[in-house]
Amino acid sequence: MPLKDPSFTIGIEEEYLLVERTSRDLVRDMPQGLFEAASQALGNQVAREFLKSQIEVGTSVHRGPAAAGQELAQLRQAIAEVAAAYDLAPIAASTHPFARWSVQEPTERERYQSLAQDLAGVGRRLVICGMHVHVGIEDNELRIDLFNQARYFLPHLLVLSTSSPFAEGEDTGLKSYRLAAYQELPRTGMPGRFEGWAEYTQTVDLLVRNGVIEDATKIWWDLRPSSRFPTLEMRVTDVCTRLEDGVCVAAMYVCILRMLFRLRRSNQTWRTYPLFLLAENRWRAQRYGVKGTLFDLGKGELVPFGDLVEELLAMLREDAEALGCVAEIDHARTIVARGTSADRQVTHYTKLLSQGISPPDALKGVVDHLIAETAA
């Protein structure tokens, strides 16, 4: 029986932090009226998140990244307009430059209260946001096959998205501190390889049967088969401050999956490498970003990320043309040239310090920068 083409539909979810415009700190408790107004404007496309200072939006299902990006722009604008009525603003960054995790509180929903109790101290430090991209892969066995292969490219996507260099008032030296905080949780990180759908479901069922988790939504790997939709959900990336950067990352991801499917249809496959080496690339992406190097595991050597992007763009050209997102993936060159949000945040902070501004006020200046870029 011939393998049926997946739909390759796409949906994007983004999490935002809500900041007070005067103090630039995180709001301690989202006003009830704010969420009600957001729900009235966006319906089920807006949701509360783990912390009271967070809010999440999700696009509907789209045939291509460009349309998903257009809707995401509308969702961002709606949240910004609703928040402005309360003298608040959303920032699309995976950490806040100076907020203290110790004063943040989980949302008063049973799921989040249960999570907070289960995760204890490591859960209280989760003042982080991310971007998740769902791509329609309807066949379960194909979904696991592409899951195994796509892991190789997760560090590349992470590099293009980084937006969390600061934590609790400190420049961490990392481009994505979010992953360092997230890694403390169970059932996170770069997933291992599964022989097939049966092995994956047996693994999940073992945890469910013993009461460790209620369902697969509490598996938070960098990449996972969605338990709610027939999709493969990419979760490794930071939330991109600039909207066009996020759309680029989403477009790259769906093109990678289509490219891997083309290989499968030709009875080929992307080589599987040890988890240890994939995790090393993940660390290099998290630490060094666009100006760093990643291992080209086929060559067995470190290669500048900019060179890897050019190779990847050439490899994905056919897929981008088929999906109508050539301009979106080509934007990766712009990200490499100007840096990610993490690079711009550190540059802006350093510039303010050089002007004689105190570190606390310079961090507030970074928040102002994030507010402006998020709304651009």
Protein backbone atom coordinates (compact mmCIF):
# COMPACT_ATOMS: atom_id res chain seq x y z
CA MET A 1 0.00 0.00 0.00
CA PRO A 2 1.57 3.34 -1.04
CA LEU A 3 2.43 5.81 1.70
CA LYS A 4 -0.10 8.64 1.80
CA ASP A 5 1.31 12.16 1.87
CA PRO A 6 0.84 13.94 5.20
CA SER A 7 -1.14 17.17 5.17
CA PHE A 8 1.83 19.20 6.52
CA THR A 9 -0.67 21.67 7.98
CA ILE A 10 0.78 24.02 10.56
CA GLY A 11 -0.25 25.73 13.79
CA ILE A 12 1.85 27.94 16.06
CA GLU A 13 1.54 28.52 19.82
CA GLU A 14 3.34 31.35 21.61
CA GLU A 15 3.63 32.11 25.33
CA TYR A 16 4.12 35.69 26.53
CA LEU A 17 5.12 37.32 29.80
CA LEU A 18 3.00 40.25 30.97
CA VAL A 19 4.94 43.21 32.35
CA GLU A 20 3.90 46.39 34.15
CA ARG A 21 4.80 49.37 32.01
CA THR A 22 5.86 51.49 34.98
CA SER A 23 8.04 49.06 36.92
CA ARG A 24 8.83 46.85 33.89
CA ASP A 25 8.55 43.91 36.28
CA LEU A 26 6.24 40.95 35.76
CA VAL A 27 2.68 41.45 36.88
CA ARG A 28 2.08 39.41 40.02
CA ASP A 29 -1.49 38.48 39.15
CA MET A 30 -3.11 38.89 35.74
CA PRO A 31 -6.26 41.01 36.12
CA GLN A 32 -9.37 38.90 35.64
CA GLY A 33 -10.80 41.54 33.36
CA LEU A 34 -7.76 41.31 31.09
CA PHE A 35 -8.20 37.60 30.47
CA GLU A 36 -11.95 37.97 30.04
CA ALA A 37 -11.40 40.68 27.43
CA ALA A 38 -8.77 38.56 25.67
CA SER A 39 -11.15 35.59 25.65
CA GLN A 40 -13.95 37.72 24.26
CA ALA A 41 -11.65 38.93 21.48
CA LEU A 42 -9.92 35.64 20.69
CA GLY A 43 -12.15 32.85 21.98
CA ASN A 44 -10.36 29.56 22.54
CA GLN A 45 -7.23 30.88 20.85
CA VAL A 46 -6.04 32.39 24.14
CA ALA A 47 -5.32 30.53 27.36
CA ARG A 48 -3.83 31.01 30.78
CA GLU A 49 -0.44 29.44 31.35
CA PHE A 50 1.41 27.92 34.31
CA LEU A 51 2.11 31.27 36.01
CA LYS A 52 -0.31 34.15 36.65
CA SER A 53 2.07 36.43 34.74
CA GLN A 54 1.83 34.38 31.53
CA ILE A 55 -0.64 34.16 28.67
CA GLU A 56 -0.65 31.89 25.62
CA VAL A 57 -2.07 32.23 22.12
CA GLY A 58 -2.46 29.64 19.39
CA THR A 59 -3.28 29.97 15.72
CA SER A 60 -5.84 27.85 13.95
CA VAL A 61 -4.72 25.17 11.47
CA HIS A 62 -3.19 26.57 8.27
CA ARG A 63 -1.99 25.19 4.97
CA GLY A 64 1.27 27.12 5.14
CA PRO A 65 3.56 29.15 7.42
CA ALA A 66 2.75 32.51 5.82
CA ALA A 67 -0.94 32.28 6.68
CA ALA A 68 -0.13 31.07 10.20
CA GLY A 69 2.20 34.05 10.61
CA GLN A 70 -0.48 36.49 9.50
CA GLU A 71 -2.89 35.16 12.09
CA LEU A 72 -0.19 35.14 14.76
CA ALA A 73 0.38 38.85 14.11
CA GLN A 74 -3.31 39.48 14.76
CA LEU A 75 -3.20 37.46 17.98
CA ARG A 76 -0.16 39.39 19.24
CA GLN A 77 -1.81 42.69 18.43
CA ALA A 78 -4.99 41.70 20.23
CA ILE A 79 -3.10 40.73 23.40
CA ALA A 80 -1.11 43.98 23.29
CA GLU A 81 -4.27 46.07 22.93
CA VAL A 82 -6.09 44.28 25.75
CA ALA A 83 -3.06 44.49 28.05
CA ALA A 84 -2.58 48.21 27.35
CA ALA A 85 -5.95 48.94 28.96
CA TYR A 86 -4.42 47.72 32.24
CA ASP A 87 -1.08 49.52 31.73
CA LEU A 88 0.53 46.16 30.93
CA ALA A 89 2.36 44.85 27.88
CA PRO A 90 3.28 41.39 26.57
CA ILE A 91 6.89 40.52 25.84
CA ALA A 92 7.77 37.65 23.52
CA ALA A 93 10.92 36.55 25.33
CA SER A 94 11.64 33.25 27.00
CA THR A 95 12.89 34.84 30.22
CA HIS A 96 12.32 38.21 31.87
CA PRO A 97 15.55 40.21 32.31
CA PHE A 98 15.26 40.72 36.08
CA ALA A 99 12.04 39.25 37.54
CA ARG A 100 12.43 37.03 40.63
CA TRP A 101 10.98 33.56 40.39
CA SER A 102 10.39 33.44 44.16
CA VAL A 103 7.47 35.91 43.97
CA GLN A 104 5.70 34.29 41.00
CA GLU A 105 2.57 32.23 41.63
CA PRO A 106 0.98 29.41 39.64
CA THR A 107 -2.36 29.96 37.99
CA GLU A 108 -5.31 28.86 40.10
CA ARG A 109 -6.35 26.01 37.86
CA GLU A 110 -6.37 22.43 39.09
CA ARG A 111 -3.89 21.29 36.43
CA TYR A 112 -1.37 24.01 37.26
CA GLN A 113 -1.78 23.71 41.02
CA SER A 114 -1.19 19.96 40.70
CA LEU A 115 1.87 20.59 38.54
CA ALA A 116 3.27 23.09 41.03
CA GLN A 117 2.90 20.58 43.85
CA ASP A 118 4.41 17.74 41.82
CA LEU A 119 7.38 19.72 40.49
CA ALA A 120 8.20 21.34 43.86
CA GLY A 121 11.25 23.62 43.82
CA VAL A 122 12.18 23.12 40.18
CA GLY A 123 8.65 24.06 39.15
CA ARG A 124 8.79 27.34 41.05
CA ARG A 125 11.75 28.44 38.91
CA LEU A 126 9.84 28.02 35.64
CA VAL A 127 9.48 31.69 34.75
CA ILE A 128 9.98 30.81 31.09
CA CYS A 129 8.06 30.93 27.81
CA GLY A 130 8.39 29.03 24.55
CA MET A 131 7.07 28.62 21.03
CA HIS A 132 5.51 25.34 19.92
CA VAL A 133 4.87 24.42 16.29
CA HIS A 134 2.45 21.65 15.28
CA VAL A 135 2.73 20.02 11.85
CA GLY A 136 0.09 17.62 10.58
CA ILE A 137 1.48 14.05 10.21
CA GLU A 138 -1.60 11.86 10.30
CA ASP A 139 -0.05 8.37 10.06
CA ASN A 140 1.21 7.23 13.48
CA GLU A 141 4.10 5.09 12.21
CA LEU A 142 5.26 7.86 9.88
CA ARG A 143 5.00 10.33 12.76
CA ILE A 144 7.42 8.25 14.86
CA ASP A 145 9.74 7.74 11.89
CA LEU A 146 9.94 11.50 11.23
CA PHE A 147 10.21 12.12 15.00
CA ASN A 148 13.36 9.97 15.11
CA GLN A 149 14.97 11.74 12.16
CA ALA A 150 13.92 15.33 12.90
CA ARG A 151 15.72 15.29 16.26
CA TYR A 152 18.95 15.99 14.37
CA PHE A 153 17.71 19.45 13.35
CA LEU A 154 16.34 20.64 16.69
CA PRO A 155 19.56 22.46 17.68
CA HIS A 156 19.51 24.35 14.37
CA LEU A 157 15.97 25.57 15.05
CA LEU A 158 16.89 26.51 18.61
CA VAL A 159 19.79 28.68 17.44
CA LEU A 160 17.46 30.75 15.23
CA SER A 161 15.01 31.40 18.08
CA THR A 162 17.07 32.24 21.18
CA SER A 163 15.61 35.00 23.36
CA SER A 164 16.61 34.23 26.97
CA PRO A 165 20.10 35.50 27.82
CA PHE A 166 19.10 37.07 31.16
CA ALA A 167 17.77 35.53 34.36
CA GLU A 168 17.07 37.29 37.65
CA GLY A 169 19.11 40.35 36.68
CA GLU A 170 22.18 38.45 35.44
CA ASP A 171 23.61 37.98 31.97
CA THR A 172 23.87 34.19 32.03
CA GLY A 173 26.26 33.99 29.09
CA LEU A 174 23.77 31.64 27.42
CA LYS A 175 21.64 32.50 24.43
CA SER A 176 18.84 30.26 25.77
CA TYR A 177 18.84 30.12 29.55
CA ARG A 178 15.26 28.87 29.29
CA LEU A 179 16.45 25.39 28.39
CA ALA A 180 18.74 25.29 31.43
CA ALA A 181 15.76 25.99 33.69
CA TYR A 182 13.48 23.63 31.77
CA GLN A 183 16.01 20.81 31.85
CA GLU A 184 15.53 20.47 35.62
CA LEU A 185 12.05 19.06 35.02
CA PRO A 186 11.40 15.36 34.44
CA ARG A 187 10.44 14.14 30.97
CA THR A 188 12.18 17.02 29.17
CA GLY A 189 15.14 17.44 26.84
CA MET A 190 16.21 15.70 23.65
CA PRO A 191 14.13 12.53 23.32
CA GLY A 192 15.51 9.12 22.52
CA ARG A 193 14.71 6.98 19.49
CA PHE A 194 11.68 4.69 19.26
CA GLU A 195 11.45 1.62 17.02
CA GLY A 196 7.84 2.38 16.19
CA TRP A 197 4.49 3.70 17.37
CA ALA A 198 3.91 0.64 19.55
CA GLU A 199 7.11 1.19 21.54
CA TYR A 200 6.23 4.84 22.04
CA THR A 201 2.69 4.12 23.27
CA GLN A 202 3.93 1.31 25.54
CA THR A 203 6.42 3.74 27.09
CA VAL A 204 3.73 6.34 27.76
CA ASP A 205 1.26 3.72 29.01
CA LEU A 206 3.76 2.51 31.59
CA LEU A 207 3.81 5.96 33.21
CA VAL A 208 0.04 6.42 32.94
CA ARG A 209 -0.73 2.96 34.34
CA ASN A 210 1.39 3.64 37.41
CA GLY A 211 -0.15 7.05 38.06
CA VAL A 212 3.04 9.02 37.29
CA ILE A 213 1.25 11.12 34.66
CA GLU A 214 -2.38 11.39 33.59
CA ASP A 215 -1.56 11.45 29.88
CA ALA A 216 1.14 12.32 27.36
CA THR A 217 0.59 16.08 27.75
CA LYS A 218 2.95 15.84 30.74
CA ILE A 219 5.80 14.66 28.55
CA TRP A 220 7.67 17.84 27.66
CA TRP A 221 10.39 16.70 25.27
CA ASP A 222 11.91 19.07 22.70
CA LEU A 223 9.86 17.17 20.12
CA ARG A 224 6.84 14.99 20.77
CA PRO A 225 3.87 13.39 19.05
CA SER A 226 0.94 15.51 20.18
CA SER A 227 -1.58 13.67 22.34
CA ARG A 228 -4.37 16.06 21.28
CA PHE A 229 -3.85 16.36 17.53
CA PRO A 230 -2.43 14.17 14.72
CA THR A 231 0.69 16.35 14.69
CA LEU A 232 4.38 16.29 15.48
CA GLU A 233 4.95 19.12 17.94
CA MET A 234 8.27 20.96 18.03
CA ARG A 235 8.90 22.49 21.48
CA VAL A 236 12.65 23.14 21.68
CA THR A 237 12.57 26.77 20.59
CA ASP A 238 12.45 29.96 22.59
CA VAL A 239 9.63 32.33 21.72
CA CYS A 240 10.95 34.76 19.10
CA THR A 241 10.64 38.45 19.97
CA ARG A 242 10.40 39.47 16.32
CA LEU A 243 7.37 37.89 14.70
CA GLU A 244 9.12 37.29 11.37
CA ASP A 245 11.83 35.28 13.14
CA GLY A 246 9.23 32.98 14.65
CA VAL A 247 7.53 32.45 11.29
CA CYS A 248 10.93 31.62 9.77
CA VAL A 249 11.57 28.96 12.42
CA ALA A 250 8.12 27.46 11.91
CA ALA A 251 8.65 27.39 8.14
CA MET A 252 12.05 25.74 8.52
CA TYR A 253 10.52 23.06 10.73
CA VAL A 254 7.70 22.10 8.38
CA CYS A 255 10.13 22.09 5.43
CA ILE A 256 12.49 19.78 7.33
CA LEU A 257 9.65 17.33 7.92
CA ARG A 258 8.65 17.43 4.27
CA MET A 259 12.27 16.88 3.20
CA LEU A 260 12.54 13.86 5.50
CA PHE A 261 9.29 12.50 4.07
CA ARG A 262 10.74 12.85 0.56
CA LEU A 263 13.67 10.72 1.67
CA ARG A 264 11.31 8.14 3.12
CA ARG A 265 9.33 7.99 -0.13
CA SER A 266 12.60 7.27 -1.95
CA ASN A 267 13.44 4.48 0.52
CA GLN A 268 16.10 6.64 2.14
CA THR A 269 16.47 7.98 5.64
CA TRP A 270 18.45 10.59 7.54
CA ARG A 271 21.16 8.84 9.50
CA THR A 272 20.43 8.36 13.20
CA TYR A 273 23.19 9.57 15.51
CA PRO A 274 23.78 8.82 19.22
CA LEU A 275 21.67 10.86 21.60
CA PHE A 276 24.91 11.99 23.27
CA LEU A 277 26.00 13.81 20.08
CA LEU A 278 22.58 15.32 19.43
CA ALA A 279 22.57 16.63 23.00
CA GLU A 280 26.03 18.15 22.50
CA ASN A 281 24.74 20.14 19.53
CA ARG A 282 21.75 21.17 21.62
CA TRP A 283 24.09 22.55 24.28
CA ARG A 284 26.19 24.40 21.70
CA ALA A 285 23.04 25.98 20.28
CA GLN A 286 21.86 26.99 23.74
CA ARG A 287 25.23 28.43 24.72
CA TYR A 288 26.67 30.09 21.60
CA GLY A 289 23.80 30.87 19.21
CA VAL A 290 24.19 32.14 15.66
CA LYS A 291 27.84 33.16 16.05
CA GLY A 292 28.85 29.71 17.23
CA THR A 293 29.44 26.33 15.64
CA LEU A 294 27.54 23.06 15.57
CA PHE A 295 28.76 19.60 14.71
CA ASP A 296 28.07 18.46 11.18
CA LEU A 297 27.83 14.87 12.32
CA GLY A 298 28.10 13.55 8.77
CA LYS A 299 31.48 15.27 8.36
CA GLY A 300 32.44 14.75 11.98
CA GLU A 301 33.57 18.32 12.49
CA LEU A 302 32.43 21.67 13.88
CA VAL A 303 31.03 24.04 11.26
CA PRO A 304 30.06 27.73 11.61
CA PHE A 305 26.29 27.98 12.02
CA GLY A 306 26.01 30.42 9.11
CA ASP A 307 27.47 27.78 6.78
CA LEU A 308 25.07 25.15 8.09
CA VAL A 309 22.14 27.47 7.40
CA GLU A 310 23.21 27.87 3.77
CA GLU A 311 23.43 24.08 3.37
CA LEU A 312 20.04 23.63 5.02
CA LEU A 313 18.39 26.28 2.85
CA ALA A 314 19.67 24.58 -0.29
CA MET A 315 18.44 21.22 0.97
CA LEU A 316 14.96 22.60 1.74
CA ARG A 317 14.45 24.67 -1.42
CA GLU A 318 12.17 22.14 -3.12
CA ASP A 319 10.04 21.82 0.00
CA ALA A 320 9.78 25.57 0.56
CA GLU A 321 8.63 26.04 -3.04
CA ALA A 322 5.99 23.33 -2.62
CA LEU A 323 4.75 24.88 0.65
CA GLY A 324 4.95 28.47 -0.60
CA CYS A 325 7.40 29.66 2.06
CA VAL A 326 10.68 30.39 0.25
CA ALA A 327 10.81 33.96 1.60
CA GLU A 328 10.06 32.72 5.12
CA ILE A 329 12.94 30.23 5.26
CA ASP A 330 15.34 32.62 3.48
CA HIS A 331 14.82 34.99 6.40
CA ALA A 332 17.18 32.68 8.32
CA ARG A 333 20.05 34.53 6.63
CA THR A 334 18.78 37.79 8.16
CA ILE A 335 18.63 36.19 11.60
CA VAL A 336 22.22 35.01 11.26
CA ALA A 337 23.36 38.45 10.07
CA ARG A 338 21.63 40.60 12.70
CA GLY A 339 21.47 38.09 15.53
CA THR A 340 18.55 36.76 17.50
CA SER A 341 16.63 38.49 20.26
CA ALA A 342 19.20 37.19 22.75
CA ASP A 343 22.00 38.93 20.85
CA ARG A 344 20.06 42.17 20.57
CA GLN A 345 19.11 42.16 24.25
CA VAL A 346 22.73 41.82 25.36
CA THR A 347 23.87 44.45 22.85
CA HIS A 348 21.21 46.88 24.06
CA TYR A 349 22.10 46.24 27.71
CA THR A 350 25.82 46.78 27.05
CA LYS A 351 25.10 49.99 25.16
CA LEU A 352 23.05 51.40 28.04
CA LEU A 353 25.78 50.52 30.53
CA SER A 354 28.36 52.29 28.36
CA GLN A 355 26.19 55.43 28.58
CA GLY A 356 26.55 55.41 32.35
CA ILE A 357 23.12 53.92 33.08
CA SER A 358 23.01 51.70 36.17
CA PRO A 359 22.59 47.93 35.69
CA PRO A 360 19.04 47.88 37.15
CA ASP A 361 17.93 50.72 34.87
CA ALA A 362 19.70 49.14 31.91
CA LEU A 363 17.69 45.96 32.49
CA LYS A 364 14.52 48.04 32.50
CA GLY A 365 15.71 49.44 29.19
CA VAL A 366 15.96 45.88 27.88
CA VAL A 367 12.32 45.33 28.86
CA ASP A 368 11.34 48.48 26.93
CA HIS A 369 13.26 47.11 23.95
CA LEU A 370 11.38 43.79 24.22
CA ILE A 371 7.99 45.51 24.45
CA ALA A 372 8.73 47.46 21.27
CA GLU A 373 10.02 44.47 19.30
CA THR A 374 7.16 42.25 20.38
CA ALA A 375 4.62 44.75 19.08
CA ALA A 376 6.52 45.65 15.90
